[in-house]
Amino acid sequence: MLVLNVDYSNLDYDNLALLIGVKSRYIPMIVESFLKETDSILETLEKSIQSGDYDKIRSNAHAIKGSAGNIKFNEIYEMAREMEQEAAQQNSEFDYKLYFDAIKSAVGTISL
């Protein structure tokens, strides 16, 4: 389920805090941590896709899926979940690059 043009630029800190069960003042710190971690994972994921290393694609997509799911970035979660599943099946027909670009773009809209 590829979701193109995901935009998280207008995060509602209060609503997000309610969804994940924290005080809204902690949201900037949580989002900043997500961004730092995800940047590193995306670099590794891109290299894994280029080299066709399905195990690394799967594990990196899994890491993004978990982090995104924890803070309710549901579209990123869904794209990473699908990528993880396809890599687990070593599906060479799946367009990993398209999903990577969509995830990276969505992450790029997140600001503090």
PDB file of N, CA and C in Angstrom:
ATOM      1  N   MET A   1       0.843  -1.183   0.000  1.00  0.00           N
ATOM      2  CA  MET A   1       0.000   0.000   0.000  1.00  0.00           C
ATOM      3  C   MET A   1       0.882   1.237   0.000  1.00  0.00           C
ATOM      4  N   LEU A   2       1.413   1.585  -1.090  1.00  0.00           N
ATOM      5  CA  LEU A   2       2.253   2.763  -1.206  1.00  0.00           C
ATOM      6  C   LEU A   2       1.411   4.024  -1.038  1.00  0.00           C
ATOM      7  N   VAL A   3       1.880   4.903  -0.176  1.00  0.00           N
ATOM      8  CA  VAL A   3       1.197   6.163   0.059  1.00  0.00           C
ATOM      9  C   VAL A   3       2.133   7.274  -0.377  1.00  0.00           C
ATOM     10  N   LEU A   4       1.850   7.878  -1.502  1.00  0.00           N
ATOM     11  CA  LEU A   4       2.683   8.969  -1.993  1.00  0.00           C
ATOM     12  C   LEU A   4       2.212  10.289  -1.412  1.00  0.00           C
ATOM     13  N   ASN A   5       3.128  11.241  -1.361  1.00  0.00           N
ATOM     14  CA  ASN A   5       2.814  12.599  -0.925  1.00  0.00           C
ATOM     15  C   ASN A   5       2.291  12.681   0.500  1.00  0.00           C
ATOM     16  N   VAL A   6       2.911  11.935   1.399  1.00  0.00           N
ATOM     17  CA  VAL A   6       2.566  12.015   2.813  1.00  0.00           C
ATOM     18  C   VAL A   6       3.186  13.289   3.367  1.00  0.00           C
ATOM     19  N   ASP A   7       2.406  14.027   4.140  1.00  0.00           N
ATOM     20  CA  ASP A   7       2.888  15.302   4.666  1.00  0.00           C
ATOM     21  C   ASP A   7       2.637  15.377   6.172  1.00  0.00           C
ATOM     22  N   TYR A   8       3.719  15.362   6.920  1.00  0.00           N
ATOM     23  CA  TYR A   8       3.651  15.469   8.376  1.00  0.00           C
ATOM     24  C   TYR A   8       4.089  16.851   8.855  1.00  0.00           C
ATOM     25  N   SER A   9       4.058  17.845   7.979  1.00  0.00           N
ATOM     26  CA  SER A   9       4.578  19.163   8.339  1.00  0.00           C
ATOM     27  C   SER A   9       3.716  19.899   9.367  1.00  0.00           C
ATOM     28  N   ASN A  10       2.485  19.525   9.508  1.00  0.00           N
ATOM     29  CA  ASN A  10       1.596  20.191  10.471  1.00  0.00           C
ATOM     30  C   ASN A  10       1.222  19.263  11.615  1.00  0.00           C
ATOM     31  N   LEU A  11       2.229  18.760  12.309  1.00  0.00           N
ATOM     32  CA  LEU A  11       1.959  17.853  13.416  1.00  0.00           C
ATOM     33  C   LEU A  11       1.191  18.556  14.527  1.00  0.00           C
ATOM     34  N   ASP A  12       0.179  17.905  15.011  1.00  0.00           N
ATOM     35  CA  ASP A  12      -0.583  18.395  16.153  1.00  0.00           C
ATOM     36  C   ASP A  12       0.001  17.719  17.390  1.00  0.00           C
ATOM     37  N   TYR A  13       0.870  18.436  18.089  1.00  0.00           N
ATOM     38  CA  TYR A  13       1.582  17.853  19.236  1.00  0.00           C
ATOM     39  C   TYR A  13       0.633  17.334  20.304  1.00  0.00           C
ATOM     40  N   ASP A  14      -0.436  18.066  20.552  1.00  0.00           N
ATOM     41  CA  ASP A  14      -1.377  17.642  21.592  1.00  0.00           C
ATOM     42  C   ASP A  14      -2.059  16.332  21.222  1.00  0.00           C
ATOM     43  N   ASN A  15      -2.516  16.235  19.976  1.00  0.00           N
ATOM     44  CA  ASN A  15      -3.178  15.014  19.529  1.00  0.00           C
ATOM     45  C   ASN A  15      -2.199  13.841  19.485  1.00  0.00           C
ATOM     46  N   LEU A  16      -1.001  14.088  18.979  1.00  0.00           N
ATOM     47  CA  LEU A  16       0.013  13.042  18.916  1.00  0.00           C
ATOM     48  C   LEU A  16       0.359  12.556  20.318  1.00  0.00           C
ATOM     49  N   ALA A  17       0.454  13.484  21.261  1.00  0.00           N
ATOM     50  CA  ALA A  17       0.743  13.123  22.652  1.00  0.00           C
ATOM     51  C   ALA A  17      -0.351  12.223  23.220  1.00  0.00           C
ATOM     52  N   LEU A  18      -1.599  12.554  22.919  1.00  0.00           N
ATOM     53  CA  LEU A  18      -2.711  11.716  23.378  1.00  0.00           C
ATOM     54  C   LEU A  18      -2.636  10.315  22.779  1.00  0.00           C
ATOM     55  N   LEU A  19      -2.325  10.248  21.488  1.00  0.00           N
ATOM     56  CA  LEU A  19      -2.261   8.962  20.799  1.00  0.00           C
ATOM     57  C   LEU A  19      -1.187   8.044  21.365  1.00  0.00           C
ATOM     58  N   ILE A  20      -0.050   8.620  21.735  1.00  0.00           N
ATOM     59  CA  ILE A  20       1.041   7.760  22.210  1.00  0.00           C
ATOM     60  C   ILE A  20       1.171   7.742  23.727  1.00  0.00           C
ATOM     61  N   GLY A  21       0.364   8.534  24.412  1.00  0.00           N
ATOM     62  CA  GLY A  21       0.305   8.477  25.857  1.00  0.00           C
ATOM     63  C   GLY A  21       1.423   9.204  26.580  1.00  0.00           C
ATOM     64  N   VAL A  22       1.802  10.364  26.071  1.00  0.00           N
ATOM     65  CA  VAL A  22       2.821  11.185  26.747  1.00  0.00           C
ATOM     66  C   VAL A  22       2.315  12.623  26.820  1.00  0.00           C
ATOM     67  N   LYS A  23       3.016  13.435  27.579  1.00  0.00           N
ATOM     68  CA  LYS A  23       2.679  14.858  27.629  1.00  0.00           C
ATOM     69  C   LYS A  23       3.189  15.527  26.356  1.00  0.00           C
ATOM     70  N   SER A  24       2.460  16.513  25.871  1.00  0.00           N
ATOM     71  CA  SER A  24       2.799  17.143  24.593  1.00  0.00           C
ATOM     72  C   SER A  24       4.175  17.801  24.614  1.00  0.00           C
ATOM     73  N   ARG A  25       4.655  18.180  25.781  1.00  0.00           N
ATOM     74  CA  ARG A  25       5.982  18.816  25.831  1.00  0.00           C
ATOM     75  C   ARG A  25       7.105  17.851  25.449  1.00  0.00           C
ATOM     76  N   TYR A  26       6.826  16.544  25.474  1.00  0.00           N
ATOM     77  CA  TYR A  26       7.838  15.546  25.111  1.00  0.00           C
ATOM     78  C   TYR A  26       7.876  15.240  23.612  1.00  0.00           C
ATOM     79  N   ILE A  27       6.878  15.676  22.891  1.00  0.00           N
ATOM     80  CA  ILE A  27       6.787  15.352  21.466  1.00  0.00           C
ATOM     81  C   ILE A  27       7.995  15.854  20.669  1.00  0.00           C
ATOM     82  N   PRO A  28       8.451  17.101  20.848  1.00  0.00           N
ATOM     83  CA  PRO A  28       9.625  17.521  20.070  1.00  0.00           C
ATOM     84  C   PRO A  28      10.838  16.621  20.294  1.00  0.00           C
ATOM     85  N   MET A  29      11.065  16.201  21.516  1.00  0.00           N
ATOM     86  CA  MET A  29      12.195  15.332  21.814  1.00  0.00           C
ATOM     87  C   MET A  29      12.015  13.954  21.157  1.00  0.00           C
ATOM     88  N   ILE A  30      10.812  13.437  21.196  1.00  0.00           N
ATOM     89  CA  ILE A  30      10.525  12.133  20.602  1.00  0.00           C
ATOM     90  C   ILE A  30      10.676  12.203  19.083  1.00  0.00           C
ATOM     91  N   VAL A  31      10.151  13.253  18.484  1.00  0.00           N
ATOM     92  CA  VAL A  31      10.240  13.415  17.029  1.00  0.00           C
ATOM     93  C   VAL A  31      11.695  13.607  16.608  1.00  0.00           C
ATOM     94  N   GLU A  32      12.439  14.402  17.361  1.00  0.00           N
ATOM     95  CA  GLU A  32      13.857  14.610  17.046  1.00  0.00           C
ATOM     96  C   GLU A  32      14.628  13.293  17.103  1.00  0.00           C
ATOM     97  N   SER A  33      14.340  12.490  18.097  1.00  0.00           N
ATOM     98  CA  SER A  33      14.985  11.184  18.217  1.00  0.00           C
ATOM     99  C   SER A  33      14.622  10.291  17.031  1.00  0.00           C
ATOM    100  N   PHE A  34      13.351  10.300  16.646  1.00  0.00           N
ATOM    101  CA  PHE A  34      12.906   9.526  15.490  1.00  0.00           C
ATOM    102  C   PHE A  34      13.651   9.958  14.235  1.00  0.00           C
ATOM    103  N   LEU A  35      13.774  11.265  14.032  1.00  0.00           N
ATOM    104  CA  LEU A  35      14.434  11.780  12.833  1.00  0.00           C
ATOM    105  C   LEU A  35      15.904  11.383  12.782  1.00  0.00           C
ATOM    106  N   LYS A  36      16.598  11.495  13.891  1.00  0.00           N
ATOM    107  CA  LYS A  36      18.012  11.126  13.928  1.00  0.00           C
ATOM    108  C   LYS A  36      18.194   9.638  13.641  1.00  0.00           C
ATOM    109  N   GLU A  37      17.400   8.823  14.304  1.00  0.00           N
ATOM    110  CA  GLU A  37      17.502   7.377  14.115  1.00  0.00           C
ATOM    111  C   GLU A  37      17.137   6.982  12.690  1.00  0.00           C
ATOM    112  N   THR A  38      16.075   7.566  12.180  1.00  0.00           N
ATOM    113  CA  THR A  38      15.590   7.205  10.851  1.00  0.00           C
ATOM    114  C   THR A  38      16.559   7.650   9.766  1.00  0.00           C
ATOM    115  N   ASP A  39      17.196   8.797   9.935  1.00  0.00           N
ATOM    116  CA  ASP A  39      18.203   9.246   8.955  1.00  0.00           C
ATOM    117  C   ASP A  39      19.288   8.192   8.776  1.00  0.00           C
ATOM    118  N   SER A  40      19.788   7.691   9.865  1.00  0.00           N
ATOM    119  CA  SER A  40      20.840   6.671   9.828  1.00  0.00           C
ATOM    120  C   SER A  40      20.337   5.386   9.175  1.00  0.00           C
ATOM    121  N   ILE A  41      19.142   4.979   9.543  1.00  0.00           N
ATOM    122  CA  ILE A  41      18.572   3.751   8.993  1.00  0.00           C
ATOM    123  C   ILE A  41      18.320   3.901   7.492  1.00  0.00           C
ATOM    124  N   LEU A  42      17.846   5.075   7.076  1.00  0.00           N
ATOM    125  CA  LEU A  42      17.585   5.297   5.649  1.00  0.00           C
ATOM    126  C   LEU A  42      18.868   5.197   4.824  1.00  0.00           C
ATOM    127  N   GLU A  43      19.971   5.688   5.354  1.00  0.00           N
ATOM    128  CA  GLU A  43      21.245   5.566   4.641  1.00  0.00           C
ATOM    129  C   GLU A  43      21.604   4.099   4.422  1.00  0.00           C
ATOM    130  N   THR A  44      21.472   3.317   5.468  1.00  0.00           N
ATOM    131  CA  THR A  44      21.785   1.887   5.373  1.00  0.00           C
ATOM    132  C   THR A  44      20.794   1.170   4.468  1.00  0.00           C
ATOM    133  N   LEU A  45      19.532   1.549   4.567  1.00  0.00           N
ATOM    134  CA  LEU A  45      18.500   0.930   3.736  1.00  0.00           C
ATOM    135  C   LEU A  45      18.767   1.189   2.263  1.00  0.00           C
ATOM    136  N   GLU A  46      19.146   2.403   1.931  1.00  0.00           N
ATOM    137  CA  GLU A  46      19.426   2.727   0.525  1.00  0.00           C
ATOM    138  C   GLU A  46      20.563   1.858  -0.016  1.00  0.00           C
ATOM    139  N   LYS A  47      21.619   1.704   0.760  1.00  0.00           N
ATOM    140  CA  LYS A  47      22.743   0.852   0.340  1.00  0.00           C
ATOM    141  C   LYS A  47      22.306  -0.602   0.211  1.00  0.00           C
ATOM    142  N   SER A  48      21.455  -1.053   1.109  1.00  0.00           N
ATOM    143  CA  SER A  48      20.954  -2.432   1.064  1.00  0.00           C
ATOM    144  C   SER A  48      20.121  -2.679  -0.189  1.00  0.00           C
ATOM    145  N   ILE A  49      19.327  -1.686  -0.560  1.00  0.00           N
ATOM    146  CA  ILE A  49      18.512  -1.798  -1.772  1.00  0.00           C
ATOM    147  C   ILE A  49      19.417  -1.838  -2.999  1.00  0.00           C
ATOM    148  N   GLN A  50      20.418  -0.970  -3.019  1.00  0.00           N
ATOM    149  CA  GLN A  50      21.343  -0.929  -4.159  1.00  0.00           C
ATOM    150  C   GLN A  50      22.083  -2.252  -4.331  1.00  0.00           C
ATOM    151  N   SER A  51      22.424  -2.892  -3.219  1.00  0.00           N
ATOM    152  CA  SER A  51      23.171  -4.148  -3.299  1.00  0.00           C
ATOM    153  C   SER A  51      22.262  -5.371  -3.375  1.00  0.00           C
ATOM    154  N   GLY A  52      20.949  -5.176  -3.210  1.00  0.00           N
ATOM    155  CA  GLY A  52      20.011  -6.296  -3.279  1.00  0.00           C
ATOM    156  C   GLY A  52      20.102  -7.231  -2.091  1.00  0.00           C
ATOM    157  N   ASP A  53      20.498  -6.714  -0.941  1.00  0.00           N
ATOM    158  CA  ASP A  53      20.633  -7.523   0.276  1.00  0.00           C
ATOM    159  C   ASP A  53      19.283  -7.568   0.993  1.00  0.00           C
ATOM    160  N   TYR A  54      18.503  -8.610   0.702  1.00  0.00           N
ATOM    161  CA  TYR A  54      17.144  -8.713   1.231  1.00  0.00           C
ATOM    162  C   TYR A  54      17.099  -8.758   2.752  1.00  0.00           C
ATOM    163  N   ASP A  55      18.059  -9.426   3.386  1.00  0.00           N
ATOM    164  CA  ASP A  55      18.061  -9.500   4.853  1.00  0.00           C
ATOM    165  C   ASP A  55      18.235  -8.121   5.468  1.00  0.00           C
ATOM    166  N   LYS A  56      19.130  -7.333   4.906  1.00  0.00           N
ATOM    167  CA  LYS A  56      19.339  -5.974   5.433  1.00  0.00           C
ATOM    168  C   LYS A  56      18.167  -5.063   5.083  1.00  0.00           C
ATOM    169  N   ILE A  57      17.596  -5.235   3.912  1.00  0.00           N
ATOM    170  CA  ILE A  57      16.401  -4.449   3.571  1.00  0.00           C
ATOM    171  C   ILE A  57      15.307  -4.751   4.585  1.00  0.00           C
ATOM    172  N   ARG A  58      15.099  -6.025   4.835  1.00  0.00           N
ATOM    173  CA  ARG A  58      14.064  -6.443   5.781  1.00  0.00           C
ATOM    174  C   ARG A  58      14.312  -5.863   7.172  1.00  0.00           C
ATOM    175  N   SER A  59      15.540  -5.984   7.674  1.00  0.00           N
ATOM    176  CA  SER A  59      15.803  -5.523   9.042  1.00  0.00           C
ATOM    177  C   SER A  59      15.727  -3.997   9.152  1.00  0.00           C
ATOM    178  N   ASN A  60      16.185  -3.290   8.134  1.00  0.00           N
ATOM    179  CA  ASN A  60      16.089  -1.830   8.175  1.00  0.00           C
ATOM    180  C   ASN A  60      14.648  -1.352   8.034  1.00  0.00           C
ATOM    181  N   ALA A  61      13.891  -1.981   7.167  1.00  0.00           N
ATOM    182  CA  ALA A  61      12.479  -1.631   7.030  1.00  0.00           C
ATOM    183  C   ALA A  61      11.745  -1.937   8.331  1.00  0.00           C
ATOM    184  N   HIS A  62      12.113  -3.029   8.979  1.00  0.00           N
ATOM    185  CA  HIS A  62      11.516  -3.399  10.264  1.00  0.00           C
ATOM    186  C   HIS A  62      11.794  -2.322  11.314  1.00  0.00           C
ATOM    187  N   ALA A  63      13.026  -1.824  11.351  1.00  0.00           N
ATOM    188  CA  ALA A  63      13.395  -0.786  12.315  1.00  0.00           C
ATOM    189  C   ALA A  63      12.586   0.493  12.080  1.00  0.00           C
ATOM    190  N   ILE A  64      12.454   0.884  10.821  1.00  0.00           N
ATOM    191  CA  ILE A  64      11.663   2.077  10.508  1.00  0.00           C
ATOM    192  C   ILE A  64      10.204   1.847  10.866  1.00  0.00           C
ATOM    193  N   LYS A  65       9.709   0.681  10.535  1.00  0.00           N
ATOM    194  CA  LYS A  65       8.319   0.344  10.842  1.00  0.00           C
ATOM    195  C   LYS A  65       8.055   0.480  12.338  1.00  0.00           C
ATOM    196  N   GLY A  66       8.934  -0.073  13.149  1.00  0.00           N
ATOM    197  CA  GLY A  66       8.744  -0.022  14.595  1.00  0.00           C
ATOM    198  C   GLY A  66       8.763   1.392  15.140  1.00  0.00           C
ATOM    199  N   SER A  67       9.749   2.163  14.717  1.00  0.00           N
ATOM    200  CA  SER A  67       9.857   3.546  15.191  1.00  0.00           C
ATOM    201  C   SER A  67       8.655   4.374  14.754  1.00  0.00           C
ATOM    202  N   ALA A  68       8.272   4.235  13.495  1.00  0.00           N
ATOM    203  CA  ALA A  68       7.132   5.000  12.978  1.00  0.00           C
ATOM    204  C   ALA A  68       5.838   4.577  13.667  1.00  0.00           C
ATOM    205  N   GLY A  69       5.685   3.293  13.902  1.00  0.00           N
ATOM    206  CA  GLY A  69       4.491   2.799  14.578  1.00  0.00           C
ATOM    207  C   GLY A  69       4.381   3.310  16.006  1.00  0.00           C
ATOM    208  N   ASN A  70       5.514   3.393  16.678  1.00  0.00           N
ATOM    209  CA  ASN A  70       5.519   3.863  18.066  1.00  0.00           C
ATOM    210  C   ASN A  70       5.019   5.292  18.205  1.00  0.00           C
ATOM    211  N   ILE A  71       5.266   6.112  17.195  1.00  0.00           N
ATOM    212  CA  ILE A  71       4.821   7.507  17.307  1.00  0.00           C
ATOM    213  C   ILE A  71       3.699   7.840  16.309  1.00  0.00           C
ATOM    214  N   LYS A  72       3.055   6.809  15.848  1.00  0.00           N
ATOM    215  CA  LYS A  72       1.830   6.932  15.051  1.00  0.00           C
ATOM    216  C   LYS A  72       2.001   7.640  13.711  1.00  0.00           C
ATOM    217  N   PHE A  73       3.180   7.470  13.103  1.00  0.00           N
ATOM    218  CA  PHE A  73       3.351   7.902  11.718  1.00  0.00           C
ATOM    219  C   PHE A  73       2.901   6.721  10.859  1.00  0.00           C
ATOM    220  N   ASN A  74       1.587   6.567  10.764  1.00  0.00           N
ATOM    221  CA  ASN A  74       0.978   5.353  10.222  1.00  0.00           C
ATOM    222  C   ASN A  74       1.310   5.080   8.760  1.00  0.00           C
ATOM    223  N   GLU A  75       1.415   6.122   7.948  1.00  0.00           N
ATOM    224  CA  GLU A  75       1.721   5.903   6.534  1.00  0.00           C
ATOM    225  C   GLU A  75       3.149   5.384   6.352  1.00  0.00           C
ATOM    226  N   ILE A  76       4.075   5.948   7.107  1.00  0.00           N
ATOM    227  CA  ILE A  76       5.454   5.452   7.055  1.00  0.00           C
ATOM    228  C   ILE A  76       5.486   4.015   7.553  1.00  0.00           C
ATOM    229  N   TYR A  77       4.768   3.746   8.622  1.00  0.00           N
ATOM    230  CA  TYR A  77       4.671   2.390   9.166  1.00  0.00           C
ATOM    231  C   TYR A  77       4.200   1.411   8.095  1.00  0.00           C
ATOM    232  N   GLU A  78       3.133   1.744   7.408  1.00  0.00           N
ATOM    233  CA  GLU A  78       2.555   0.834   6.405  1.00  0.00           C
ATOM    234  C   GLU A  78       3.511   0.583   5.241  1.00  0.00           C
ATOM    235  N   MET A  79       4.174   1.640   4.775  1.00  0.00           N
ATOM    236  CA  MET A  79       5.111   1.452   3.658  1.00  0.00           C
ATOM    237  C   MET A  79       6.303   0.594   4.092  1.00  0.00           C
ATOM    238  N   ALA A  80       6.814   0.841   5.280  1.00  0.00           N
ATOM    239  CA  ALA A  80       7.943   0.057   5.782  1.00  0.00           C
ATOM    240  C   ALA A  80       7.533  -1.397   6.025  1.00  0.00           C
ATOM    241  N   ARG A  81       6.304  -1.604   6.502  1.00  0.00           N
ATOM    242  CA  ARG A  81       5.795  -2.960   6.729  1.00  0.00           C
ATOM    243  C   ARG A  81       5.727  -3.738   5.417  1.00  0.00           C
ATOM    244  N   GLU A  82       5.227  -3.094   4.393  1.00  0.00           N
ATOM    245  CA  GLU A  82       5.127  -3.760   3.098  1.00  0.00           C
ATOM    246  C   GLU A  82       6.515  -4.083   2.540  1.00  0.00           C
ATOM    247  N   MET A  83       7.444  -3.126   2.656  1.00  0.00           N
ATOM    248  CA  MET A  83       8.805  -3.362   2.197  1.00  0.00           C
ATOM    249  C   MET A  83       9.442  -4.524   2.970  1.00  0.00           C
ATOM    250  N   GLU A  84       9.228  -4.536   4.272  1.00  0.00           N
ATOM    251  CA  GLU A  84       9.772  -5.612   5.105  1.00  0.00           C
ATOM    252  C   GLU A  84       9.236  -6.978   4.657  1.00  0.00           C
ATOM    253  N   GLN A  85       7.951  -7.063   4.436  1.00  0.00           N
ATOM    254  CA  GLN A  85       7.334  -8.326   4.021  1.00  0.00           C
ATOM    255  C   GLN A  85       7.855  -8.795   2.675  1.00  0.00           C
ATOM    256  N   GLU A  86       7.986  -7.889   1.728  1.00  0.00           N
ATOM    257  CA  GLU A  86       8.476  -8.258   0.403  1.00  0.00           C
ATOM    258  C   GLU A  86       9.940  -8.707   0.460  1.00  0.00           C
ATOM    259  N   ALA A  87      10.736  -8.028   1.269  1.00  0.00           N
ATOM    260  CA  ALA A  87      12.143  -8.411   1.403  1.00  0.00           C
ATOM    261  C   ALA A  87      12.268  -9.767   2.089  1.00  0.00           C
ATOM    262  N   ALA A  88      11.396 -10.053   3.037  1.00  0.00           N
ATOM    263  CA  ALA A  88      11.417 -11.355   3.713  1.00  0.00           C
ATOM    264  C   ALA A  88      11.156 -12.481   2.714  1.00  0.00           C
ATOM    265  N   GLN A  89      10.369 -12.174   1.684  1.00  0.00           N
ATOM    266  CA  GLN A  89      10.073 -13.149   0.629  1.00  0.00           C
ATOM    267  C   GLN A  89      11.079 -13.076  -0.516  1.00  0.00           C
ATOM    268  N   GLN A  90      12.050 -12.186  -0.378  1.00  0.00           N
ATOM    269  CA  GLN A  90      13.070 -11.954  -1.400  1.00  0.00           C
ATOM    270  C   GLN A  90      12.438 -11.715  -2.776  1.00  0.00           C
ATOM    271  N   ASN A  91      11.424 -10.885  -2.784  1.00  0.00           N
ATOM    272  CA  ASN A  91      10.688 -10.560  -4.003  1.00  0.00           C
ATOM    273  C   ASN A  91      11.494  -9.580  -4.857  1.00  0.00           C
ATOM    274  N   SER A  92      12.071 -10.081  -5.916  1.00  0.00           N
ATOM    275  CA  SER A  92      12.888  -9.240  -6.798  1.00  0.00           C
ATOM    276  C   SER A  92      12.043  -8.343  -7.700  1.00  0.00           C
ATOM    277  N   GLU A  93      10.741  -8.583  -7.764  1.00  0.00           N
ATOM    278  CA  GLU A  93       9.841  -7.780  -8.596  1.00  0.00           C
ATOM    279  C   GLU A  93       9.328  -6.538  -7.864  1.00  0.00           C
ATOM    280  N   PHE A  94       9.483  -6.501  -6.564  1.00  0.00           N
ATOM    281  CA  PHE A  94       8.987  -5.389  -5.759  1.00  0.00           C
ATOM    282  C   PHE A  94       9.855  -4.148  -5.992  1.00  0.00           C
ATOM    283  N   ASP A  95       9.232  -2.992  -6.070  1.00  0.00           N
ATOM    284  CA  ASP A  95       9.963  -1.751  -6.327  1.00  0.00           C
ATOM    285  C   ASP A  95      10.409  -1.118  -4.996  1.00  0.00           C
ATOM    286  N   TYR A  96      11.493  -1.645  -4.451  1.00  0.00           N
ATOM    287  CA  TYR A  96      12.025  -1.167  -3.173  1.00  0.00           C
ATOM    288  C   TYR A  96      12.414   0.305  -3.251  1.00  0.00           C
ATOM    289  N   LYS A  97      12.967   0.725  -4.355  1.00  0.00           N
ATOM    290  CA  LYS A  97      13.415   2.107  -4.525  1.00  0.00           C
ATOM    291  C   LYS A  97      12.227   3.070  -4.459  1.00  0.00           C
ATOM    292  N   LEU A  98      11.121   2.708  -5.068  1.00  0.00           N
ATOM    293  CA  LEU A  98       9.927   3.546  -5.033  1.00  0.00           C
ATOM    294  C   LEU A  98       9.450   3.727  -3.591  1.00  0.00           C
ATOM    295  N   TYR A  99       9.413   2.637  -2.840  1.00  0.00           N
ATOM    296  CA  TYR A  99       8.983   2.702  -1.442  1.00  0.00           C
ATOM    297  C   TYR A  99       9.996   3.481  -0.604  1.00  0.00           C
ATOM    298  N   PHE A 100      11.277   3.253  -0.850  1.00  0.00           N
ATOM    299  CA  PHE A 100      12.316   3.992  -0.137  1.00  0.00           C
ATOM    300  C   PHE A 100      12.128   5.487  -0.366  1.00  0.00           C
ATOM    301  N   ASP A 101      11.956   5.889  -1.618  1.00  0.00           N
ATOM    302  CA  ASP A 101      11.785   7.307  -1.943  1.00  0.00           C
ATOM    303  C   ASP A 101      10.546   7.890  -1.262  1.00  0.00           C
ATOM    304  N   ALA A 102       9.465   7.123  -1.222  1.00  0.00           N
ATOM    305  CA  ALA A 102       8.232   7.604  -0.584  1.00  0.00           C
ATOM    306  C   ALA A 102       8.422   7.759   0.928  1.00  0.00           C
ATOM    307  N   ILE A 103       9.100   6.799   1.542  1.00  0.00           N
ATOM    308  CA  ILE A 103       9.364   6.884   2.979  1.00  0.00           C
ATOM    309  C   ILE A 103      10.281   8.075   3.273  1.00  0.00           C
ATOM    310  N   LYS A 104      11.342   8.206   2.495  1.00  0.00           N
ATOM    311  CA  LYS A 104      12.290   9.311   2.703  1.00  0.00           C
ATOM    312  C   LYS A 104      11.587  10.655   2.525  1.00  0.00           C
ATOM    313  N   SER A 105      10.741  10.755   1.543  1.00  0.00           N
ATOM    314  CA  SER A 105       9.991  11.985   1.305  1.00  0.00           C
ATOM    315  C   SER A 105       9.076  12.300   2.484  1.00  0.00           C
ATOM    316  N   ALA A 106       8.376  11.290   2.981  1.00  0.00           N
ATOM    317  CA  ALA A 106       7.478  11.487   4.126  1.00  0.00           C
ATOM    318  C   ALA A 106       8.261  11.931   5.361  1.00  0.00           C
ATOM    319  N   VAL A 107       9.381  11.283   5.610  1.00  0.00           N
ATOM    320  CA  VAL A 107      10.228  11.660   6.745  1.00  0.00           C
ATOM    321  C   VAL A 107      10.713  13.096   6.575  1.00  0.00           C
ATOM    322  N   GLY A 108      11.004  13.478   5.347  1.00  0.00           N
ATOM    323  CA  GLY A 108      11.481  14.826   5.058  1.00  0.00           C
ATOM    324  C   GLY A 108      10.476  15.926   5.352  1.00  0.00           C
ATOM    325  N   THR A 109       9.198  15.586   5.452  1.00  0.00           N
ATOM    326  CA  THR A 109       8.182  16.599   5.754  1.00  0.00           C
ATOM    327  C   THR A 109       8.061  16.847   7.258  1.00  0.00           C
ATOM    328  N   ILE A 110       8.674  16.002   8.061  1.00  0.00           N
ATOM    329  CA  ILE A 110       8.558  16.124   9.521  1.00  0.00           C
ATOM    330  C   ILE A 110       9.512  17.215   9.999  1.00  0.00           C
ATOM    331  N   SER A 111       8.954  18.161  10.719  1.00  0.00           N
ATOM    332  CA  SER A 111       9.789  19.224  11.273  1.00  0.00           C
ATOM    333  C   SER A 111       9.391  19.448  12.732  1.00  0.00           C
ATOM    334  N   LEU A 112      10.279  20.083  13.434  1.00  0.00           N
ATOM    335  CA  LEU A 112      10.015  20.350  14.858  1.00  0.00           C
ATOM    336  C   LEU A 112       9.433  21.731  15.059  1.00  0.00           C
TER     337      LEU A 112
END
